């Protein structure tokens, strides 16, 4: 067999196995990685609130009404509409009660916070009823209960619950976010 025939067999023989789909596989892998990275960036921006309405789900799950109970349940809750609006009650609540045959006095300054001006306006419209019910609540206290932080927190929660109940009954909208004691004097 001449040498030329051997070279010809090598040239005409089996073609070299080039991976036919290797370039396609590389393109698909790179495209998948790019899509995954882009998807995670978009999701991060969405939940960070960069896109309009992107923060609703995460805000719902963490809305706290001050009572320690989370409001992120199956019902959708309105997301805060704007910055907090505070309404201080001009006059402090002053009540007296008897503790171990001794008269005690309590003076509480109260402020409420909501994020909707309509809620603040409705508080002002129903202020006499709100003050009455809070005075009744404050005057029916056990002195030992309000001498510690947990008791004061419980009283604050009860006052907030009463305020929400009044607004819900009167206006159908009880979305007061918080109630704060800005002054608390016992004697």
C-alpha atoms as a PDB file:
ATOM      1  CA  UNK A   1       0.000   0.000   0.000  1.00  0.00           C
ATOM      2  CA  UNK A   2       1.484   3.292  -0.999  1.00  0.00           C
ATOM      3  CA  UNK A   3       1.877   6.043   1.496  1.00  0.00           C
ATOM      4  CA  UNK A   4      -0.525   8.242  -0.404  1.00  0.00           C
ATOM      5  CA  UNK A   5      -3.309   5.725   0.086  1.00  0.00           C
ATOM      6  CA  UNK A   6      -2.730   5.706   3.856  1.00  0.00           C
ATOM      7  CA  UNK A   7      -2.960   9.493   4.010  1.00  0.00           C
ATOM      8  CA  UNK A   8      -6.057   9.352   1.897  1.00  0.00           C
ATOM      9  CA  UNK A   9      -7.678   6.866   4.305  1.00  0.00           C
ATOM     10  CA  UNK A  10      -6.859   9.062   7.222  1.00  0.00           C
ATOM     11  CA  UNK A  11      -8.322  12.098   5.447  1.00  0.00           C
ATOM     12  CA  UNK A  12     -11.350  10.246   4.131  1.00  0.00           C
ATOM     13  CA  UNK A  13     -11.781   8.041   7.183  1.00  0.00           C
ATOM     14  CA  UNK A  14     -13.973   8.784  10.106  1.00  0.00           C
ATOM     15  CA  UNK A  15     -14.407  12.441  10.657  1.00  0.00           C
ATOM     16  CA  UNK A  16     -13.049  13.919  13.856  1.00  0.00           C
ATOM     17  CA  UNK A  17     -15.837  13.944  16.515  1.00  0.00           C
ATOM     18  CA  UNK A  18     -16.670  17.585  17.001  1.00  0.00           C
ATOM     19  CA  UNK A  19     -19.257  18.086  19.711  1.00  0.00           C
ATOM     20  CA  UNK A  20     -22.226  19.278  17.700  1.00  0.00           C
ATOM     21  CA  UNK A  21     -24.242  20.701  20.608  1.00  0.00           C
ATOM     22  CA  UNK A  22     -21.395  21.968  22.782  1.00  0.00           C
ATOM     23  CA  UNK A  23     -21.724  25.561  21.588  1.00  0.00           C
ATOM     24  CA  UNK A  24     -25.494  25.397  22.064  1.00  0.00           C
ATOM     25  CA  UNK A  25     -25.024  24.020  25.595  1.00  0.00           C
ATOM     26  CA  UNK A  26     -22.624  26.818  26.509  1.00  0.00           C
ATOM     27  CA  UNK A  27     -25.052  29.435  25.205  1.00  0.00           C
ATOM     28  CA  UNK A  28     -27.944  27.887  27.160  1.00  0.00           C
ATOM     29  CA  UNK A  29     -25.921  27.725  30.387  1.00  0.00           C
ATOM     30  CA  UNK A  30     -24.764  31.332  30.077  1.00  0.00           C
ATOM     31  CA  UNK A  31     -28.292  32.474  29.226  1.00  0.00           C
ATOM     32  CA  UNK A  32     -29.697  30.593  32.241  1.00  0.00           C
ATOM     33  CA  UNK A  33     -27.174  32.205  34.577  1.00  0.00           C
ATOM     34  CA  UNK A  34     -27.893  35.676  33.192  1.00  0.00           C
ATOM     35  CA  UNK A  35     -31.658  35.157  33.595  1.00  0.00           C
ATOM     36  CA  UNK A  36     -31.245  33.895  37.167  1.00  0.00           C
ATOM     37  CA  UNK A  37     -29.108  36.881  38.146  1.00  0.00           C
ATOM     38  CA  UNK A  38     -31.477  39.328  36.438  1.00  0.00           C
ATOM     39  CA  UNK A  39     -34.478  37.708  38.135  1.00  0.00           C
ATOM     40  CA  UNK A  40     -32.905  37.967  41.570  1.00  0.00           C
ATOM     41  CA  UNK A  41     -31.995  41.631  40.994  1.00  0.00           C
ATOM     42  CA  UNK A  42     -35.544  42.446  39.865  1.00  0.00           C
ATOM     43  CA  UNK A  43     -37.056  40.562  42.820  1.00  0.00           C
ATOM     44  CA  UNK A  44     -34.761  42.363  45.260  1.00  0.00           C
ATOM     45  CA  UNK A  45     -35.677  45.754  43.819  1.00  0.00           C
ATOM     46  CA  UNK A  46     -39.373  44.848  43.844  1.00  0.00           C
ATOM     47  CA  UNK A  47     -39.422  43.841  47.505  1.00  0.00           C
ATOM     48  CA  UNK A  48     -37.212  46.787  48.455  1.00  0.00           C
ATOM     49  CA  UNK A  49     -39.977  49.065  47.204  1.00  0.00           C
ATOM     50  CA  UNK A  50     -38.186  50.533  44.203  1.00  0.00           C
ATOM     51  CA  UNK A  51     -41.098  49.649  41.936  1.00  0.00           C
ATOM     52  CA  UNK A  52     -44.532  51.107  42.808  1.00  0.00           C
ATOM     53  CA  UNK A  53     -46.504  48.748  45.022  1.00  0.00           C
ATOM     54  CA  UNK A  54     -43.536  46.474  45.582  1.00  0.00           C
ATOM     55  CA  UNK A  55     -43.518  46.762  49.360  1.00  0.00           C
ATOM     56  CA  UNK A  56     -47.152  45.805  50.033  1.00  0.00           C
ATOM     57  CA  UNK A  57     -46.638  42.152  50.848  1.00  0.00           C
ATOM     58  CA  UNK A  58     -43.680  42.629  53.161  1.00  0.00           C
ATOM     59  CA  UNK A  59     -45.321  45.603  54.885  1.00  0.00           C
ATOM     60  CA  UNK A  60     -48.513  43.619  55.496  1.00  0.00           C
ATOM     61  CA  UNK A  61     -46.703  40.826  57.215  1.00  0.00           C
ATOM     62  CA  UNK A  62     -44.988  43.161  59.644  1.00  0.00           C
ATOM     63  CA  UNK A  63     -47.645  45.717  60.504  1.00  0.00           C
ATOM     64  CA  UNK A  64     -47.873  45.880  64.260  1.00  0.00           C
ATOM     65  CA  UNK A  65     -50.702  47.626  65.995  1.00  0.00           C
ATOM     66  CA  UNK A  66     -48.837  47.976  69.255  1.00  0.00           C
ATOM     67  CA  UNK A  67     -50.593  45.053  70.906  1.00  0.00           C
ATOM     68  CA  UNK A  68     -47.937  42.564  69.883  1.00  0.00           C
ATOM     69  CA  UNK A  69     -50.188  40.839  67.376  1.00  0.00           C
ATOM     70  CA  UNK A  70     -49.184  40.797  63.752  1.00  0.00           C
ATOM     71  CA  UNK A  71     -51.774  41.979  61.274  1.00  0.00           C
ATOM     72  CA  UNK A  72     -50.373  40.059  58.296  1.00  0.00           C
ATOM     73  CA  UNK A  73     -53.168  37.503  58.188  1.00  0.00           C
ATOM     74  CA  UNK A  74     -55.127  36.184  55.244  1.00  0.00           C
ATOM     75  CA  UNK A  75     -57.015  39.452  54.802  1.00  0.00           C
ATOM     76  CA  UNK A  76     -55.144  42.115  52.914  1.00  0.00           C
ATOM     77  CA  UNK A  77     -54.457  45.165  55.052  1.00  0.00           C
ATOM     78  CA  UNK A  78     -54.017  48.631  53.623  1.00  0.00           C
ATOM     79  CA  UNK A  79     -50.425  49.717  53.499  1.00  0.00           C
ATOM     80  CA  UNK A  80     -49.546  52.943  55.237  1.00  0.00           C
ATOM     81  CA  UNK A  81     -50.654  55.857  53.063  1.00  0.00           C
ATOM     82  CA  UNK A  82     -48.085  58.364  54.173  1.00  0.00           C
ATOM     83  CA  UNK A  83     -46.052  59.724  57.044  1.00  0.00           C
ATOM     84  CA  UNK A  84     -47.376  59.400  60.572  1.00  0.00           C
ATOM     85  CA  UNK A  85     -49.763  62.090  61.771  1.00  0.00           C
ATOM     86  CA  UNK A  86     -49.875  62.678  65.524  1.00  0.00           C
ATOM     87  CA  UNK A  87     -52.803  64.133  67.432  1.00  0.00           C
ATOM     88  CA  UNK A  88     -52.112  65.103  71.050  1.00  0.00           C
ATOM     89  CA  UNK A  89     -55.088  65.295  73.384  1.00  0.00           C
ATOM     90  CA  UNK A  90     -54.785  68.838  74.730  1.00  0.00           C
ATOM     91  CA  UNK A  91     -55.824  68.143  78.306  1.00  0.00           C
ATOM     92  CA  UNK A  92     -54.337  65.300  80.322  1.00  0.00           C
ATOM     93  CA  UNK A  93     -56.610  62.640  81.750  1.00  0.00           C
ATOM     94  CA  UNK A  94     -56.759  63.004  85.529  1.00  0.00           C
ATOM     95  CA  UNK A  95     -58.447  60.298  87.569  1.00  0.00           C
ATOM     96  CA  UNK A  96     -58.488  59.300  91.194  1.00  0.00           C
ATOM     97  CA  UNK A  97     -59.061  55.910  92.694  1.00  0.00           C
ATOM     98  CA  UNK A  98     -58.746  54.240  96.051  1.00  0.00           C
ATOM     99  CA  UNK A  99     -55.861  51.922  96.823  1.00  0.00           C
ATOM    100  CA  UNK A 100     -55.715  50.306 100.269  1.00  0.00           C
ATOM    101  CA  UNK A 101     -57.895  53.005 101.872  1.00  0.00           C
ATOM    102  CA  UNK A 102     -55.755  55.718 100.317  1.00  0.00           C
ATOM    103  CA  UNK A 103     -56.779  58.059  97.513  1.00  0.00           C
ATOM    104  CA  UNK A 104     -54.450  57.872  94.512  1.00  0.00           C
ATOM    105  CA  UNK A 105     -54.232  60.207  91.553  1.00  0.00           C
ATOM    106  CA  UNK A 106     -53.200  59.437  88.032  1.00  0.00           C
ATOM    107  CA  UNK A 107     -52.496  61.917  85.258  1.00  0.00           C
ATOM    108  CA  UNK A 108     -51.956  60.606  81.728  1.00  0.00           C
ATOM    109  CA  UNK A 109     -51.105  62.601  78.610  1.00  0.00           C
ATOM    110  CA  UNK A 110     -52.180  60.800  75.435  1.00  0.00           C
ATOM    111  CA  UNK A 111     -51.260  61.153  71.761  1.00  0.00           C
ATOM    112  CA  UNK A 112     -52.596  59.051  68.917  1.00  0.00           C
ATOM    113  CA  UNK A 113     -50.961  58.287  65.606  1.00  0.00           C
ATOM    114  CA  UNK A 114     -52.499  57.434  62.258  1.00  0.00           C
ATOM    115  CA  UNK A 115     -51.333  57.770  58.681  1.00  0.00           C
ATOM    116  CA  UNK A 116     -54.603  59.021  57.249  1.00  0.00           C
ATOM    117  CA  UNK A 117     -55.833  62.560  57.852  1.00  0.00           C
ATOM    118  CA  UNK A 118     -59.452  61.349  57.688  1.00  0.00           C
ATOM    119  CA  UNK A 119     -58.841  59.136  60.723  1.00  0.00           C
ATOM    120  CA  UNK A 120     -57.315  62.059  62.635  1.00  0.00           C
ATOM    121  CA  UNK A 121     -60.298  64.226  61.679  1.00  0.00           C
ATOM    122  CA  UNK A 122     -62.746  61.580  62.864  1.00  0.00           C
ATOM    123  CA  UNK A 123     -60.946  61.412  66.224  1.00  0.00           C
ATOM    124  CA  UNK A 124     -61.444  65.160  66.601  1.00  0.00           C
ATOM    125  CA  UNK A 125     -65.111  64.823  65.671  1.00  0.00           C
ATOM    126  CA  UNK A 126     -65.741  62.147  68.304  1.00  0.00           C
ATOM    127  CA  UNK A 127     -63.391  63.477  70.987  1.00  0.00           C
ATOM    128  CA  UNK A 128     -66.037  63.822  73.749  1.00  0.00           C
ATOM    129  CA  UNK A 129     -67.003  60.147  73.499  1.00  0.00           C
ATOM    130  CA  UNK A 130     -63.358  59.092  73.273  1.00  0.00           C
ATOM    131  CA  UNK A 131     -62.408  61.139  76.356  1.00  0.00           C
ATOM    132  CA  UNK A 132     -65.375  59.774  78.301  1.00  0.00           C
ATOM    133  CA  UNK A 133     -64.570  56.153  77.553  1.00  0.00           C
ATOM    134  CA  UNK A 134     -60.861  56.608  78.286  1.00  0.00           C
ATOM    135  CA  UNK A 135     -61.652  58.331  81.606  1.00  0.00           C
ATOM    136  CA  UNK A 136     -63.873  55.421  82.578  1.00  0.00           C
ATOM    137  CA  UNK A 137     -61.129  52.983  81.576  1.00  0.00           C
ATOM    138  CA  UNK A 138     -58.418  54.874  83.486  1.00  0.00           C
ATOM    139  CA  UNK A 139     -60.503  55.299  86.637  1.00  0.00           C
ATOM    140  CA  UNK A 140     -61.174  51.575  86.870  1.00  0.00           C
ATOM    141  CA  UNK A 141     -57.534  50.679  87.510  1.00  0.00           C
ATOM    142  CA  UNK A 142     -55.695  48.662  90.086  1.00  0.00           C
ATOM    143  CA  UNK A 143     -52.783  50.710  91.400  1.00  0.00           C
ATOM    144  CA  UNK A 144     -50.482  47.677  91.534  1.00  0.00           C
ATOM    145  CA  UNK A 145     -51.154  46.980  87.862  1.00  0.00           C
ATOM    146  CA  UNK A 146     -49.897  50.346  86.633  1.00  0.00           C
ATOM    147  CA  UNK A 147     -46.759  50.508  88.767  1.00  0.00           C
ATOM    148  CA  UNK A 148     -44.786  48.307  86.372  1.00  0.00           C
ATOM    149  CA  UNK A 149     -43.967  48.533  82.677  1.00  0.00           C
ATOM    150  CA  UNK A 150     -46.059  45.514  81.677  1.00  0.00           C
ATOM    151  CA  UNK A 151     -49.121  47.012  83.375  1.00  0.00           C
ATOM    152  CA  UNK A 152     -48.640  50.363  81.648  1.00  0.00           C
ATOM    153  CA  UNK A 153     -48.271  48.573  78.296  1.00  0.00           C
ATOM    154  CA  UNK A 154     -51.461  46.618  78.956  1.00  0.00           C
ATOM    155  CA  UNK A 155     -53.278  49.851  79.829  1.00  0.00           C
ATOM    156  CA  UNK A 156     -51.991  51.451  76.622  1.00  0.00           C
ATOM    157  CA  UNK A 157     -53.225  48.465  74.609  1.00  0.00           C
ATOM    158  CA  UNK A 158     -56.639  48.629  76.285  1.00  0.00           C
ATOM    159  CA  UNK A 159     -56.890  52.362  75.533  1.00  0.00           C
ATOM    160  CA  UNK A 160     -55.930  51.794  71.885  1.00  0.00           C
ATOM    161  CA  UNK A 161     -58.487  49.000  71.597  1.00  0.00           C
ATOM    162  CA  UNK A 162     -61.192  51.260  73.079  1.00  0.00           C
ATOM    163  CA  UNK A 163     -60.291  54.092  70.681  1.00  0.00           C
ATOM    164  CA  UNK A 164     -60.433  51.770  67.672  1.00  0.00           C
ATOM    165  CA  UNK A 165     -63.765  50.366  68.831  1.00  0.00           C
ATOM    166  CA  UNK A 166     -65.292  53.856  69.128  1.00  0.00           C
ATOM    167  CA  UNK A 167     -64.051  54.899  65.687  1.00  0.00           C
ATOM    168  CA  UNK A 168     -65.204  51.630  64.120  1.00  0.00           C
ATOM    169  CA  UNK A 169     -68.683  52.055  65.643  1.00  0.00           C
ATOM    170  CA  UNK A 170     -68.984  55.731  64.707  1.00  0.00           C
ATOM    171  CA  UNK A 171     -67.245  55.932  61.332  1.00  0.00           C
ATOM    172  CA  UNK A 172     -66.591  52.375  60.191  1.00  0.00           C
ATOM    173  CA  UNK A 173     -62.881  53.183  60.073  1.00  0.00           C
ATOM    174  CA  UNK A 174     -60.833  52.299  63.142  1.00  0.00           C
ATOM    175  CA  UNK A 175     -57.384  52.466  61.596  1.00  0.00           C
ATOM    176  CA  UNK A 176     -55.547  54.252  64.386  1.00  0.00           C
ATOM    177  CA  UNK A 177     -52.046  52.863  64.250  1.00  0.00           C
ATOM    178  CA  UNK A 178     -50.849  53.658  67.769  1.00  0.00           C
ATOM    179  CA  UNK A 179     -51.663  55.349  71.043  1.00  0.00           C
ATOM    180  CA  UNK A 180     -48.876  56.735  73.196  1.00  0.00           C
ATOM    181  CA  UNK A 181     -48.668  57.886  76.786  1.00  0.00           C
ATOM    182  CA  UNK A 182     -46.550  61.042  76.629  1.00  0.00           C
ATOM    183  CA  UNK A 183     -46.992  61.771  80.316  1.00  0.00           C
ATOM    184  CA  UNK A 184     -47.725  59.392  83.169  1.00  0.00           C
ATOM    185  CA  UNK A 185     -47.798  60.708  86.746  1.00  0.00           C
ATOM    186  CA  UNK A 186     -48.998  58.676  89.736  1.00  0.00           C
ATOM    187  CA  UNK A 187     -49.382  59.907  93.268  1.00  0.00           C
END
